[in-house]
Amino acid sequence: MAKSFLLVDAHNVIFARPELAALHRRNPAAAREKLLQILEGLQDAGDTRVVAVFDGGSEKKAESATSGRAGVQIFYARGADEVIERLVAKYAAMHRLTVATNDNLIRTAALAAGASTLSVDQLFAEIEKSEKEVGQVLAKLRRK
């Protein structure tokens, strides 16, 4: 059975969301952490593994890490767009892969490779839906 992955163009998401973009202007590390917290919640709520790719890193080769408790996979790369495109080309045929970005070139490459795409607004609609569902489950458990 194919695994489901959400590949997030992380800085694209940060700059598309006014609250994250404002935070990034004051404190870039805090904006990255806030986005990772949001993505951890999404991963916790479902069966989709989340991978966030940030622009950054000291070399062309991507540096990898894992976030806090939920284990969102993180890549930092100077060529983040190229890393996303390579990941999509390599894994879209093997897994259910969705790419979250507003970057039209990345969206086109993802669709051509057989992945699905979400705009940043669609991603946050999914996050809100997931948070609401988790809240409903918790409310039912509290009533018991």
Protein backbone atom coordinates (compact mmCIF):
# COMPACT_ATOMS: atom_id res chain seq x y z
CA MET A 1 0.00 0.00 0.00
CA ALA A 2 1.38 3.41 -1.00
CA LYS A 3 2.11 5.90 1.75
CA SER A 4 0.63 9.38 1.66
CA PHE A 5 2.98 12.38 1.84
CA LEU A 6 2.43 16.12 1.92
CA LEU A 7 5.44 18.02 0.56
CA VAL A 8 5.35 21.67 1.69
CA ASP A 9 7.18 24.51 -0.06
CA ALA A 10 7.73 26.02 3.37
CA HIS A 11 8.95 29.53 2.67
CA ASN A 12 6.37 29.91 -0.08
CA VAL A 13 3.73 29.07 2.54
CA ILE A 14 5.21 31.49 5.08
CA PHE A 15 5.20 34.40 2.63
CA ALA A 16 1.66 33.61 1.42
CA ARG A 17 0.17 33.84 4.92
CA PRO A 18 0.11 37.42 6.28
CA GLU A 19 0.49 36.36 9.93
CA LEU A 20 3.50 34.15 9.15
CA ALA A 21 5.05 36.72 6.80
CA ALA A 22 4.78 39.42 9.49
CA LEU A 23 6.37 37.09 12.03
CA HIS A 24 9.13 36.25 9.53
CA ARG A 25 9.98 39.94 9.13
CA ARG A 26 10.49 40.20 12.91
CA ASN A 27 11.94 36.75 13.58
CA PRO A 28 12.52 34.29 10.71
CA ALA A 29 13.28 31.37 13.04
CA ALA A 30 10.02 31.93 14.94
CA ALA A 31 8.05 31.93 11.67
CA ARG A 32 9.64 28.62 10.67
CA GLU A 33 8.85 27.14 14.10
CA LYS A 34 5.24 28.37 13.95
CA LEU A 35 4.75 26.76 10.54
CA LEU A 36 6.30 23.51 11.80
CA GLN A 37 3.93 23.51 14.80
CA ILE A 38 0.98 23.90 12.45
CA LEU A 39 2.27 21.10 10.19
CA GLU A 40 2.91 18.84 13.20
CA GLY A 41 -0.73 19.24 14.20
CA LEU A 42 -1.83 18.28 10.70
CA GLN A 43 0.42 15.23 10.68
CA ASP A 44 -0.76 14.18 14.16
CA ALA A 45 -4.39 14.32 13.03
CA GLY A 46 -4.09 12.01 10.03
CA ASP A 47 -2.14 9.32 8.27
CA THR A 48 -0.21 11.63 5.96
CA ARG A 49 3.51 12.18 6.56
CA VAL A 50 4.54 15.82 6.20
CA VAL A 51 7.80 16.98 4.63
CA ALA A 52 8.74 20.68 4.78
CA VAL A 53 11.38 22.09 2.42
CA PHE A 54 12.86 25.44 3.44
CA ASP A 55 15.15 27.71 1.46
CA GLY A 56 18.42 27.79 3.35
CA GLY A 57 21.37 25.62 4.18
CA SER A 58 25.00 26.18 3.49
CA GLU A 59 25.45 23.95 0.47
CA LYS A 60 23.56 22.99 -2.67
CA LYS A 61 23.02 19.58 -1.04
CA ALA A 62 19.92 19.54 1.17
CA GLU A 63 20.39 19.26 4.92
CA SER A 64 17.81 17.09 6.67
CA ALA A 65 16.28 17.23 10.15
CA THR A 66 13.15 16.18 12.00
CA SER A 67 10.86 18.52 13.92
CA GLY A 68 9.68 18.11 17.53
CA ARG A 69 7.30 15.48 18.78
CA ALA A 70 5.44 14.70 15.56
CA GLY A 71 8.53 14.12 13.47
CA VAL A 72 7.81 16.32 10.45
CA GLN A 73 10.70 15.75 8.05
CA ILE A 74 12.55 19.00 7.27
CA PHE A 75 14.94 19.83 4.45
CA TYR A 76 16.99 23.02 4.24
CA ALA A 77 18.47 23.70 0.80
CA ARG A 78 19.77 26.70 -1.11
CA GLY A 79 17.92 25.34 -4.13
CA ALA A 80 14.67 24.43 -2.36
CA ASP A 81 12.59 24.51 -5.55
CA GLU A 82 14.95 22.05 -7.23
CA VAL A 83 14.88 19.77 -4.17
CA ILE A 84 11.08 19.76 -4.24
CA GLU A 85 11.07 18.97 -7.96
CA ARG A 86 13.57 16.12 -7.46
CA LEU A 87 11.58 14.64 -4.57
CA VAL A 88 8.40 14.78 -6.62
CA ALA A 89 10.06 13.19 -9.65
CA LYS A 90 11.50 10.41 -7.51
CA TYR A 91 8.53 9.59 -5.26
CA ALA A 92 5.28 10.56 -7.01
CA ALA A 93 5.06 7.22 -8.82
CA MET A 94 5.58 5.23 -5.58
CA HIS A 95 3.45 7.18 -3.09
CA ARG A 96 0.38 9.38 -2.88
CA LEU A 97 2.16 12.71 -2.97
CA THR A 98 0.62 16.16 -2.61
CA VAL A 99 2.64 19.36 -2.96
CA ALA A 100 1.52 22.52 -1.13
CA THR A 101 2.74 25.68 -2.86
CA ASN A 102 1.60 28.76 -4.74
CA ASP A 103 4.63 28.50 -7.05
CA ASN A 104 3.24 27.73 -10.51
CA LEU A 105 6.46 26.11 -11.78
CA ILE A 106 6.53 23.68 -8.87
CA ARG A 107 2.81 22.98 -9.26
CA THR A 108 3.30 22.24 -12.96
CA ALA A 109 6.26 19.92 -12.27
CA ALA A 110 4.31 18.13 -9.53
CA LEU A 111 1.27 17.57 -11.73
CA ALA A 112 3.45 16.38 -14.61
CA ALA A 113 5.07 13.81 -12.30
CA GLY A 114 1.69 12.52 -11.12
CA ALA A 115 1.45 14.30 -7.78
CA SER A 116 -1.50 16.34 -6.55
CA THR A 117 -1.18 19.98 -5.56
CA LEU A 118 -2.73 22.32 -3.02
CA SER A 119 -2.55 26.08 -2.97
CA VAL A 120 -1.56 27.65 0.34
CA ASP A 121 -5.20 28.65 0.93
CA GLN A 122 -6.30 25.06 0.25
CA LEU A 123 -3.63 23.78 2.64
CA PHE A 124 -4.90 26.01 5.44
CA ALA A 125 -8.49 25.01 4.70
CA GLU A 126 -7.39 21.38 5.19
CA ILE A 127 -5.60 22.32 8.41
CA GLU A 128 -8.72 24.08 9.73
CA LYS A 129 -10.88 21.10 8.77
CA SER A 130 -8.48 18.72 10.51
CA GLU A 131 -8.38 20.87 13.67
CA LYS A 132 -12.18 20.97 13.74
CA GLU A 133 -12.43 17.18 13.38
CA VAL A 134 -9.91 16.62 16.16
CA GLY A 135 -11.82 19.07 18.35
CA GLN A 136 -15.07 17.18 17.75
CA VAL A 137 -13.47 13.85 18.66
CA LEU A 138 -12.00 15.34 21.84
CA ALA A 139 -15.39 16.86 22.77
CA LYS A 140 -17.06 13.44 22.39
CA LEU A 141 -14.40 11.79 24.53
CA ARG A 142 -14.82 14.43 27.25
CA ARG A 143 -18.59 13.83 27.37
CA LYS A 144 -18.11 10.10 28.02
